């Protein structure tokens, strides 16, 4: 069963920004894009390099190293060279605190 964990204040994440977070030993990338918050695996599964710094456009994030594209909403692969989706995690905002659900 997943539990929500407080990970950041909304003031820590500006529009079109990303921060590395660790929740229960999981490295995640918390993103704000087009006014919405997303949490995905921190490492691209293609070459296990950080997704942090990847460009975000049209609901997608691009790996800054090899150009693989993933949906921010569900982690699905949108462009090679990756072939496996990233895990995405539910995000909620309550009282200006961003929370992420992990098992």
PDB file of N, CA and C in Angstrom:
ATOM      1  N   UNK A   1       0.840  -1.183   0.000  1.00  0.00           N
ATOM      2  CA  UNK A   1       0.000   0.000   0.000  1.00  0.00           C
ATOM      3  C   UNK A   1       0.885   1.246   0.000  1.00  0.00           C
ATOM      4  N   UNK A   2       0.564   2.189  -0.829  1.00  0.00           N
ATOM      5  CA  UNK A   2       1.342   3.426  -0.930  1.00  0.00           C
ATOM      6  C   UNK A   2       0.978   4.400   0.173  1.00  0.00           C
ATOM      7  N   UNK A   3       1.969   5.175   0.569  1.00  0.00           N
ATOM      8  CA  UNK A   3       1.774   6.203   1.588  1.00  0.00           C
ATOM      9  C   UNK A   3       2.351   7.508   1.054  1.00  0.00           C
ATOM     10  N   UNK A   4       1.644   8.618   1.300  1.00  0.00           N
ATOM     11  CA  UNK A   4       2.132   9.923   0.863  1.00  0.00           C
ATOM     12  C   UNK A   4       3.173  10.454   1.845  1.00  0.00           C
ATOM     13  N   UNK A   5       4.265  10.976   1.283  1.00  0.00           N
ATOM     14  CA  UNK A   5       5.367  11.542   2.063  1.00  0.00           C
ATOM     15  C   UNK A   5       5.572  12.994   1.650  1.00  0.00           C
ATOM     16  N   UNK A   6       5.706  13.879   2.619  1.00  0.00           N
ATOM     17  CA  UNK A   6       6.018  15.281   2.327  1.00  0.00           C
ATOM     18  C   UNK A   6       7.439  15.347   1.785  1.00  0.00           C
ATOM     19  N   UNK A   7       7.603  16.009   0.632  1.00  0.00           N
ATOM     20  CA  UNK A   7       8.925  16.049  -0.005  1.00  0.00           C
ATOM     21  C   UNK A   7       9.450  17.460  -0.237  1.00  0.00           C
ATOM     22  N   UNK A   8       8.571  18.446  -0.329  1.00  0.00           N
ATOM     23  CA  UNK A   8       9.018  19.814  -0.612  1.00  0.00           C
ATOM     24  C   UNK A   8       7.868  20.783  -0.397  1.00  0.00           C
ATOM     25  N   UNK A   9       8.232  22.033  -0.261  1.00  0.00           N
ATOM     26  CA  UNK A   9       7.258  23.122  -0.237  1.00  0.00           C
ATOM     27  C   UNK A   9       7.089  23.609  -1.671  1.00  0.00           C
ATOM     28  N   UNK A  10       5.922  24.122  -2.000  1.00  0.00           N
ATOM     29  CA  UNK A  10       5.736  24.619  -3.367  1.00  0.00           C
ATOM     30  C   UNK A  10       6.700  25.758  -3.684  1.00  0.00           C
ATOM     31  N   UNK A  11       7.177  26.460  -2.669  1.00  0.00           N
ATOM     32  CA  UNK A  11       8.128  27.555  -2.901  1.00  0.00           C
ATOM     33  C   UNK A  11       9.499  27.048  -3.351  1.00  0.00           C
ATOM     34  N   UNK A  12       9.774  25.756  -3.170  1.00  0.00           N
ATOM     35  CA  UNK A  12      11.061  25.181  -3.565  1.00  0.00           C
ATOM     36  C   UNK A  12      11.116  24.801  -5.038  1.00  0.00           C
ATOM     37  N   UNK A  13       9.973  24.808  -5.699  1.00  0.00           N
ATOM     38  CA  UNK A  13       9.916  24.326  -7.075  1.00  0.00           C
ATOM     39  C   UNK A  13       9.228  25.358  -7.951  1.00  0.00           C
ATOM     40  N   UNK A  14      10.018  26.120  -8.694  1.00  0.00           N
ATOM     41  CA  UNK A  14       9.465  27.110  -9.600  1.00  0.00           C
ATOM     42  C   UNK A  14       8.892  26.463 -10.843  1.00  0.00           C
ATOM     43  N   UNK A  15       8.221  27.263 -11.653  1.00  0.00           N
ATOM     44  CA  UNK A  15       7.650  26.757 -12.907  1.00  0.00           C
ATOM     45  C   UNK A  15       8.760  26.220 -13.802  1.00  0.00           C
ATOM     46  N   UNK A  16       8.497  25.085 -14.431  1.00  0.00           N
ATOM     47  CA  UNK A  16       9.444  24.417 -15.333  1.00  0.00           C
ATOM     48  C   UNK A  16      10.761  24.088 -14.632  1.00  0.00           C
ATOM     49  N   UNK A  17      10.657  23.575 -13.410  1.00  0.00           N
ATOM     50  CA  UNK A  17      11.871  23.215 -12.676  1.00  0.00           C
ATOM     51  C   UNK A  17      11.798  21.780 -12.176  1.00  0.00           C
ATOM     52  N   UNK A  18      12.942  21.299 -11.694  1.00  0.00           N
ATOM     53  CA  UNK A  18      13.083  19.919 -11.247  1.00  0.00           C
ATOM     54  C   UNK A  18      13.982  19.888 -10.022  1.00  0.00           C
ATOM     55  N   UNK A  19      13.709  18.955  -9.109  1.00  0.00           N
ATOM     56  CA  UNK A  19      14.625  18.719  -7.995  1.00  0.00           C
ATOM     57  C   UNK A  19      14.718  17.219  -7.718  1.00  0.00           C
ATOM     58  N   UNK A  20      15.900  16.811  -7.312  1.00  0.00           N
ATOM     59  CA  UNK A  20      16.159  15.429  -6.927  1.00  0.00           C
ATOM     60  C   UNK A  20      15.670  15.237  -5.497  1.00  0.00           C
ATOM     61  N   UNK A  21      14.861  14.216  -5.270  1.00  0.00           N
ATOM     62  CA  UNK A  21      14.388  13.897  -3.927  1.00  0.00           C
ATOM     63  C   UNK A  21      14.640  12.418  -3.658  1.00  0.00           C
ATOM     64  N   UNK A  22      14.678  12.057  -2.387  1.00  0.00           N
ATOM     65  CA  UNK A  22      14.810  10.661  -1.996  1.00  0.00           C
ATOM     66  C   UNK A  22      13.679  10.357  -1.024  1.00  0.00           C
ATOM     67  N   UNK A  23      12.887   9.360  -1.369  1.00  0.00           N
ATOM     68  CA  UNK A  23      11.750   8.968  -0.543  1.00  0.00           C
ATOM     69  C   UNK A  23      11.868   7.474  -0.255  1.00  0.00           C
ATOM     70  N   UNK A  24      12.029   7.137   1.010  1.00  0.00           N
ATOM     71  CA  UNK A  24      12.160   5.723   1.408  1.00  0.00           C
ATOM     72  C   UNK A  24      13.233   4.992   0.612  1.00  0.00           C
ATOM     73  N   UNK A  25      14.342   5.662   0.346  1.00  0.00           N
ATOM     74  CA  UNK A  25      15.440   5.038  -0.383  1.00  0.00           C
ATOM     75  C   UNK A  25      15.305   5.073  -1.890  1.00  0.00           C
ATOM     76  N   UNK A  26      14.226   5.646  -2.401  1.00  0.00           N
ATOM     77  CA  UNK A  26      14.032   5.761  -3.851  1.00  0.00           C
ATOM     78  C   UNK A  26      14.465   7.141  -4.321  1.00  0.00           C
ATOM     79  N   UNK A  27      15.319   7.178  -5.334  1.00  0.00           N
ATOM     80  CA  UNK A  27      15.710   8.447  -5.943  1.00  0.00           C
ATOM     81  C   UNK A  27      14.666   8.819  -6.982  1.00  0.00           C
ATOM     82  N   UNK A  28      14.045   9.975  -6.789  1.00  0.00           N
ATOM     83  CA  UNK A  28      12.988  10.445  -7.683  1.00  0.00           C
ATOM     84  C   UNK A  28      13.314  11.838  -8.191  1.00  0.00           C
ATOM     85  N   UNK A  29      12.712  12.182  -9.314  1.00  0.00           N
ATOM     86  CA  UNK A  29      12.809  13.532  -9.850  1.00  0.00           C
ATOM     87  C   UNK A  29      11.430  14.167  -9.713  1.00  0.00           C
ATOM     88  N   UNK A  30      11.369  15.226  -8.926  1.00  0.00           N
ATOM     89  CA  UNK A  30      10.130  15.977  -8.745  1.00  0.00           C
ATOM     90  C   UNK A  30      10.154  17.139  -9.721  1.00  0.00           C
ATOM     91  N   UNK A  31       9.122  17.243 -10.542  1.00  0.00           N
ATOM     92  CA  UNK A  31       9.079  18.251 -11.606  1.00  0.00           C
ATOM     93  C   UNK A  31       7.817  19.096 -11.494  1.00  0.00           C
ATOM     94  N   UNK A  32       7.951  20.354 -11.906  1.00  0.00           N
ATOM     95  CA  UNK A  32       6.781  21.197 -12.114  1.00  0.00           C
ATOM     96  C   UNK A  32       6.823  21.633 -13.569  1.00  0.00           C
ATOM     97  N   UNK A  33       5.765  21.268 -14.291  1.00  0.00           N
ATOM     98  CA  UNK A  33       5.692  21.565 -15.721  1.00  0.00           C
ATOM     99  C   UNK A  33       4.259  21.953 -16.057  1.00  0.00           C
ATOM    100  N   UNK A  34       4.107  23.084 -16.723  1.00  0.00           N
ATOM    101  CA  UNK A  34       2.793  23.575 -17.149  1.00  0.00           C
ATOM    102  C   UNK A  34       1.808  23.630 -15.977  1.00  0.00           C
ATOM    103  N   UNK A  35       2.324  24.036 -14.811  1.00  0.00           N
ATOM    104  CA  UNK A  35       1.478  24.215 -13.645  1.00  0.00           C
ATOM    105  C   UNK A  35       1.139  22.957 -12.870  1.00  0.00           C
ATOM    106  N   UNK A  36       1.641  21.799 -13.303  1.00  0.00           N
ATOM    107  CA  UNK A  36       1.356  20.536 -12.625  1.00  0.00           C
ATOM    108  C   UNK A  36       2.643  19.951 -12.056  1.00  0.00           C
ATOM    109  N   UNK A  37       2.484  19.149 -11.005  1.00  0.00           N
ATOM    110  CA  UNK A  37       3.614  18.486 -10.360  1.00  0.00           C
ATOM    111  C   UNK A  37       3.647  17.014 -10.762  1.00  0.00           C
ATOM    112  N   UNK A  38       4.864  16.509 -10.969  1.00  0.00           N
ATOM    113  CA  UNK A  38       5.067  15.119 -11.358  1.00  0.00           C
ATOM    114  C   UNK A  38       6.244  14.549 -10.584  1.00  0.00           C
ATOM    115  N   UNK A  39       6.211  13.249 -10.343  1.00  0.00           N
ATOM    116  CA  UNK A  39       7.351  12.549  -9.749  1.00  0.00           C
ATOM    117  C   UNK A  39       7.600  11.286 -10.569  1.00  0.00           C
ATOM    118  N   UNK A  40       8.843  11.144 -11.027  1.00  0.00           N
ATOM    119  CA  UNK A  40       9.240   9.993 -11.834  1.00  0.00           C
ATOM    120  C   UNK A  40      10.571   9.464 -11.308  1.00  0.00           C
ATOM    121  N   UNK A  41      10.968   8.292 -11.803  1.00  0.00           N
ATOM    122  CA  UNK A  41      12.287   7.765 -11.467  1.00  0.00           C
ATOM    123  C   UNK A  41      13.349   8.807 -11.789  1.00  0.00           C
ATOM    124  N   UNK A  42      14.341   8.908 -10.924  1.00  0.00           N
ATOM    125  CA  UNK A  42      15.420   9.882 -11.127  1.00  0.00           C
ATOM    126  C   UNK A  42      16.355   9.456 -12.256  1.00  0.00           C
ATOM    127  N   UNK A  43      16.545   8.149 -12.398  1.00  0.00           N
ATOM    128  CA  UNK A  43      17.493   7.646 -13.391  1.00  0.00           C
ATOM    129  C   UNK A  43      16.780   7.109 -14.620  1.00  0.00           C
ATOM    130  N   UNK A  44      17.288   7.478 -15.783  1.00  0.00           N
ATOM    131  CA  UNK A  44      16.809   6.925 -17.049  1.00  0.00           C
ATOM    132  C   UNK A  44      17.177   5.445 -17.065  1.00  0.00           C
ATOM    133  N   UNK A  45      16.262   4.602 -17.448  1.00  0.00           N
ATOM    134  CA  UNK A  45      16.554   3.177 -17.450  1.00  0.00           C
ATOM    135  C   UNK A  45      17.348   2.726 -18.675  1.00  0.00           C
ATOM    136  N   UNK A  46      17.601   3.615 -19.601  1.00  0.00           N
ATOM    137  CA  UNK A  46      18.400   3.272 -20.774  1.00  0.00           C
ATOM    138  C   UNK A  46      19.869   3.114 -20.410  1.00  0.00           C
ATOM    139  N   UNK A  47      20.435   4.073 -19.680  1.00  0.00           N
ATOM    140  CA  UNK A  47      21.859   4.014 -19.329  1.00  0.00           C
ATOM    141  C   UNK A  47      22.104   4.359 -17.862  1.00  0.00           C
ATOM    142  N   UNK A  48      21.044   4.383 -17.066  1.00  0.00           N
ATOM    143  CA  UNK A  48      21.107   4.687 -15.635  1.00  0.00           C
ATOM    144  C   UNK A  48      21.818   6.006 -15.350  1.00  0.00           C
ATOM    145  N   UNK A  49      21.473   7.007 -16.135  1.00  0.00           N
ATOM    146  CA  UNK A  49      21.986   8.361 -15.934  1.00  0.00           C
ATOM    147  C   UNK A  49      20.832   9.241 -15.459  1.00  0.00           C
ATOM    148  N   UNK A  50      21.143  10.313 -14.698  1.00  0.00           N
ATOM    149  CA  UNK A  50      20.075  11.158 -14.149  1.00  0.00           C
ATOM    150  C   UNK A  50      19.216  11.828 -15.222  1.00  0.00           C
ATOM    151  N   UNK A  51      17.927  11.866 -14.956  1.00  0.00           N
ATOM    152  CA  UNK A  51      16.995  12.594 -15.822  1.00  0.00           C
ATOM    153  C   UNK A  51      17.012  14.090 -15.518  1.00  0.00           C
ATOM    154  N   UNK A  52      17.561  14.461 -14.371  1.00  0.00           N
ATOM    155  CA  UNK A  52      17.599  15.863 -13.952  1.00  0.00           C
ATOM    156  C   UNK A  52      18.294  16.714 -15.006  1.00  0.00           C
ATOM    157  N   UNK A  53      17.680  17.820 -15.335  1.00  0.00           N
ATOM    158  CA  UNK A  53      18.215  18.713 -16.358  1.00  0.00           C
ATOM    159  C   UNK A  53      17.640  18.455 -17.737  1.00  0.00           C
ATOM    160  N   UNK A  54      16.849  17.382 -17.863  1.00  0.00           N
ATOM    161  CA  UNK A  54      16.215  17.099 -19.143  1.00  0.00           C
ATOM    162  C   UNK A  54      15.157  18.143 -19.463  1.00  0.00           C
ATOM    163  N   UNK A  55      15.011  18.461 -20.731  1.00  0.00           N
ATOM    164  CA  UNK A  55      14.025  19.476 -21.112  1.00  0.00           C
ATOM    165  C   UNK A  55      12.612  18.908 -20.977  1.00  0.00           C
ATOM    166  N   UNK A  56      11.694  19.779 -20.620  1.00  0.00           N
ATOM    167  CA  UNK A  56      10.289  19.402 -20.469  1.00  0.00           C
ATOM    168  C   UNK A  56       9.468  20.226 -21.451  1.00  0.00           C
ATOM    169  N   UNK A  57       8.755  19.530 -22.325  1.00  0.00           N
ATOM    170  CA  UNK A  57       7.892  20.192 -23.299  1.00  0.00           C
ATOM    171  C   UNK A  57       6.700  19.298 -23.591  1.00  0.00           C
ATOM    172  N   UNK A  58       5.530  19.906 -23.682  1.00  0.00           N
ATOM    173  CA  UNK A  58       4.314  19.198 -24.096  1.00  0.00           C
ATOM    174  C   UNK A  58       4.043  17.956 -23.251  1.00  0.00           C
ATOM    175  N   UNK A  59       4.331  18.025 -21.941  1.00  0.00           N
ATOM    176  CA  UNK A  59       4.065  16.899 -21.056  1.00  0.00           C
ATOM    177  C   UNK A  59       5.098  15.795 -21.097  1.00  0.00           C
ATOM    178  N   UNK A  60       6.208  16.044 -21.792  1.00  0.00           N
ATOM    179  CA  UNK A  60       7.273  15.048 -21.908  1.00  0.00           C
ATOM    180  C   UNK A  60       8.554  15.570 -21.278  1.00  0.00           C
ATOM    181  N   UNK A  61       9.407  14.641 -20.842  1.00  0.00           N
ATOM    182  CA  UNK A  61      10.750  14.985 -20.392  1.00  0.00           C
ATOM    183  C   UNK A  61      11.730  14.203 -21.254  1.00  0.00           C
ATOM    184  N   UNK A  62      12.799  14.878 -21.669  1.00  0.00           N
ATOM    185  CA  UNK A  62      13.814  14.276 -22.520  1.00  0.00           C
ATOM    186  C   UNK A  62      15.072  14.024 -21.713  1.00  0.00           C
ATOM    187  N   UNK A  63      15.586  12.798 -21.776  1.00  0.00           N
ATOM    188  CA  UNK A  63      16.835  12.471 -21.091  1.00  0.00           C
ATOM    189  C   UNK A  63      17.935  13.368 -21.646  1.00  0.00           C
ATOM    190  N   UNK A  64      18.677  14.065 -20.766  1.00  0.00           N
ATOM    191  CA  UNK A  64      19.694  14.996 -21.253  1.00  0.00           C
ATOM    192  C   UNK A  64      20.922  14.316 -21.855  1.00  0.00           C
ATOM    193  N   UNK A  65      21.024  13.008 -21.755  1.00  0.00           N
ATOM    194  CA  UNK A  65      22.216  12.311 -22.243  1.00  0.00           C
ATOM    195  C   UNK A  65      22.023  11.634 -23.597  1.00  0.00           C
ATOM    196  N   UNK A  66      20.902  10.936 -23.784  1.00  0.00           N
ATOM    197  CA  UNK A  66      20.720  10.187 -25.025  1.00  0.00           C
ATOM    198  C   UNK A  66      19.421  10.500 -25.756  1.00  0.00           C
ATOM    199  N   UNK A  67      18.626  11.433 -25.226  1.00  0.00           N
ATOM    200  CA  UNK A  67      17.448  11.892 -25.948  1.00  0.00           C
ATOM    201  C   UNK A  67      16.194  11.049 -25.812  1.00  0.00           C
ATOM    202  N   UNK A  68      16.213  10.021 -24.967  1.00  0.00           N
ATOM    203  CA  UNK A  68      14.983   9.252 -24.756  1.00  0.00           C
ATOM    204  C   UNK A  68      13.916  10.184 -24.181  1.00  0.00           C
ATOM    205  N   UNK A  69      12.680  10.000 -24.610  1.00  0.00           N
ATOM    206  CA  UNK A  69      11.581  10.839 -24.124  1.00  0.00           C
ATOM    207  C   UNK A  69      10.566   9.994 -23.372  1.00  0.00           C
ATOM    208  N   UNK A  70      10.077  10.567 -22.271  1.00  0.00           N
ATOM    209  CA  UNK A  70       9.107   9.892 -21.425  1.00  0.00           C
ATOM    210  C   UNK A  70       7.964  10.842 -21.100  1.00  0.00           C
ATOM    211  N   UNK A  71       6.777  10.280 -20.927  1.00  0.00           N
ATOM    212  CA  UNK A  71       5.634  11.055 -20.453  1.00  0.00           C
ATOM    213  C   UNK A  71       5.836  11.371 -18.980  1.00  0.00           C
ATOM    214  N   UNK A  72       5.659  12.635 -18.605  1.00  0.00           N
ATOM    215  CA  UNK A  72       5.724  12.998 -17.194  1.00  0.00           C
ATOM    216  C   UNK A  72       4.544  12.409 -16.426  1.00  0.00           C
ATOM    217  N   UNK A  73       3.411  12.259 -17.073  1.00  0.00           N
ATOM    218  CA  UNK A  73       2.197  11.796 -16.401  1.00  0.00           C
ATOM    219  C   UNK A  73       2.249  10.324 -16.015  1.00  0.00           C
ATOM    220  N   UNK A  74       2.766   9.484 -16.908  1.00  0.00           N
ATOM    221  CA  UNK A  74       2.735   8.043 -16.612  1.00  0.00           C
ATOM    222  C   UNK A  74       4.057   7.323 -16.846  1.00  0.00           C
ATOM    223  N   UNK A  75       5.103   8.044 -17.249  1.00  0.00           N
ATOM    224  CA  UNK A  75       6.420   7.443 -17.438  1.00  0.00           C
ATOM    225  C   UNK A  75       6.595   6.660 -18.723  1.00  0.00           C
ATOM    226  N   UNK A  76       5.565   6.598 -19.553  1.00  0.00           N
ATOM    227  CA  UNK A  76       5.655   5.798 -20.774  1.00  0.00           C
ATOM    228  C   UNK A  76       6.709   6.351 -21.724  1.00  0.00           C
ATOM    229  N   UNK A  77       7.339   5.446 -22.473  1.00  0.00           N
ATOM    230  CA  UNK A  77       8.365   5.823 -23.444  1.00  0.00           C
ATOM    231  C   UNK A  77       7.691   6.461 -24.651  1.00  0.00           C
ATOM    232  N   UNK A  78       8.201   7.623 -25.050  1.00  0.00           N
ATOM    233  CA  UNK A  78       7.674   8.322 -26.217  1.00  0.00           C
ATOM    234  C   UNK A  78       8.679   8.371 -27.360  1.00  0.00           C
ATOM    235  N   UNK A  79       9.971   8.145 -27.048  1.00  0.00           N
ATOM    236  CA  UNK A  79      11.006   8.124 -28.086  1.00  0.00           C
ATOM    237  C   UNK A  79      12.198   7.316 -27.582  1.00  0.00           C
ATOM    238  N   UNK A  80      12.788   6.532 -28.493  1.00  0.00           N
ATOM    239  CA  UNK A  80      13.967   5.712 -28.198  1.00  0.00           C
ATOM    240  C   UNK A  80      15.160   6.625 -27.895  1.00  0.00           C
ATOM    241  N   UNK A  81      16.226   6.113 -27.291  1.00  0.00           N
ATOM    242  CA  UNK A  81      16.610   4.708 -27.230  1.00  0.00           C
ATOM    243  C   UNK A  81      16.057   3.918 -26.053  1.00  0.00           C
ATOM    244  N   UNK A  82      15.354   4.511 -25.130  1.00  0.00           N
ATOM    245  CA  UNK A  82      14.765   3.747 -24.022  1.00  0.00           C
ATOM    246  C   UNK A  82      13.648   2.863 -24.559  1.00  0.00           C
ATOM    247  N   UNK A  83      13.401   1.762 -23.890  1.00  0.00           N
ATOM    248  CA  UNK A  83      12.328   0.858 -24.292  1.00  0.00           C
ATOM    249  C   UNK A  83      11.411   0.503 -23.123  1.00  0.00           C
ATOM    250  N   UNK A  84      11.864   0.756 -21.902  1.00  0.00           N
ATOM    251  CA  UNK A  84      11.062   0.488 -20.712  1.00  0.00           C
ATOM    252  C   UNK A  84      10.581   1.814 -20.120  1.00  0.00           C
ATOM    253  N   UNK A  85       9.353   1.869 -19.636  1.00  0.00           N
ATOM    254  CA  UNK A  85       8.868   3.120 -19.032  1.00  0.00           C
ATOM    255  C   UNK A  85       9.555   3.414 -17.707  1.00  0.00           C
ATOM    256  N   UNK A  86       9.552   4.681 -17.333  1.00  0.00           N
ATOM    257  CA  UNK A  86       9.955   5.078 -15.992  1.00  0.00           C
ATOM    258  C   UNK A  86       8.756   4.870 -15.075  1.00  0.00           C
ATOM    259  N   UNK A  87       9.025   4.646 -13.811  1.00  0.00           N
ATOM    260  CA  UNK A  87       7.929   4.576 -12.848  1.00  0.00           C
ATOM    261  C   UNK A  87       7.521   6.005 -12.514  1.00  0.00           C
ATOM    262  N   UNK A  88       6.229   6.259 -12.531  1.00  0.00           N
ATOM    263  CA  UNK A  88       5.712   7.561 -12.107  1.00  0.00           C
ATOM    264  C   UNK A  88       4.989   7.358 -10.779  1.00  0.00           C
ATOM    265  N   UNK A  89       4.961   8.410  -9.976  1.00  0.00           N
ATOM    266  CA  UNK A  89       4.420   8.333  -8.627  1.00  0.00           C
ATOM    267  C   UNK A  89       3.360   9.411  -8.446  1.00  0.00           C
ATOM    268  N   UNK A  90       2.258   9.086  -7.761  1.00  0.00           N
ATOM    269  CA  UNK A  90       1.210  10.084  -7.525  1.00  0.00           C
ATOM    270  C   UNK A  90       1.729  11.255  -6.684  1.00  0.00           C
ATOM    271  N   UNK A  91       1.313  12.455  -7.065  1.00  0.00           N
ATOM    272  CA  UNK A  91       1.714  13.680  -6.363  1.00  0.00           C
ATOM    273  C   UNK A  91       0.458  14.435  -5.951  1.00  0.00           C
ATOM    274  N   UNK A  92       0.466  14.938  -4.727  1.00  0.00           N
ATOM    275  CA  UNK A  92      -0.613  15.800  -4.238  1.00  0.00           C
ATOM    276  C   UNK A  92      -0.005  17.018  -3.567  1.00  0.00           C
ATOM    277  N   UNK A  93      -0.748  18.122  -3.592  1.00  0.00           N
ATOM    278  CA  UNK A  93      -0.330  19.335  -2.890  1.00  0.00           C
ATOM    279  C   UNK A  93      -1.410  19.672  -1.873  1.00  0.00           C
ATOM    280  N   UNK A  94      -0.990  19.798  -0.613  1.00  0.00           N
ATOM    281  CA  UNK A  94      -1.914  20.167   0.465  1.00  0.00           C
ATOM    282  C   UNK A  94      -1.235  21.211   1.329  1.00  0.00           C
ATOM    283  N   UNK A  95      -1.901  22.327   1.517  1.00  0.00           N
ATOM    284  CA  UNK A  95      -1.366  23.405   2.364  1.00  0.00           C
ATOM    285  C   UNK A  95       0.053  23.805   1.957  1.00  0.00           C
ATOM    286  N   UNK A  96       0.274  23.946   0.661  1.00  0.00           N
ATOM    287  CA  UNK A  96       1.564  24.360   0.099  1.00  0.00           C
ATOM    288  C   UNK A  96       2.677  23.336   0.285  1.00  0.00           C
ATOM    289  N   UNK A  97       2.340  22.104   0.639  1.00  0.00           N
ATOM    290  CA  UNK A  97       3.328  21.034   0.788  1.00  0.00           C
ATOM    291  C   UNK A  97       3.091  20.001  -0.312  1.00  0.00           C
ATOM    292  N   UNK A  98       4.168  19.658  -1.026  1.00  0.00           N
ATOM    293  CA  UNK A  98       4.097  18.653  -2.086  1.00  0.00           C
ATOM    294  C   UNK A  98       4.345  17.290  -1.451  1.00  0.00           C
ATOM    295  N   UNK A  99       3.440  16.345  -1.724  1.00  0.00           N
ATOM    296  CA  UNK A  99       3.594  14.994  -1.207  1.00  0.00           C
ATOM    297  C   UNK A  99       3.631  14.006  -2.366  1.00  0.00           C
ATOM    298  N   UNK A 100       4.398  12.930  -2.186  1.00  0.00           N
ATOM    299  CA  UNK A 100       4.538  11.891  -3.202  1.00  0.00           C
ATOM    300  C   UNK A 100       4.214  10.550  -2.557  1.00  0.00           C
ATOM    301  N   UNK A 101       3.439   9.730  -3.263  1.00  0.00           N
ATOM    302  CA  UNK A 101       3.061   8.411  -2.753  1.00  0.00           C
ATOM    303  C   UNK A 101       4.032   7.350  -3.249  1.00  0.00           C
ATOM    304  N   UNK A 102       4.633   6.633  -2.308  1.00  0.00           N
ATOM    305  CA  UNK A 102       5.487   5.488  -2.631  1.00  0.00           C
ATOM    306  C   UNK A 102       5.120   4.346  -1.694  1.00  0.00           C
ATOM    307  N   UNK A 103       5.495   3.145  -2.096  1.00  0.00           N
ATOM    308  CA  UNK A 103       5.238   1.967  -1.255  1.00  0.00           C
ATOM    309  C   UNK A 103       6.284   1.861  -0.186  1.00  0.00           C
TER     310      UNK A 103
END
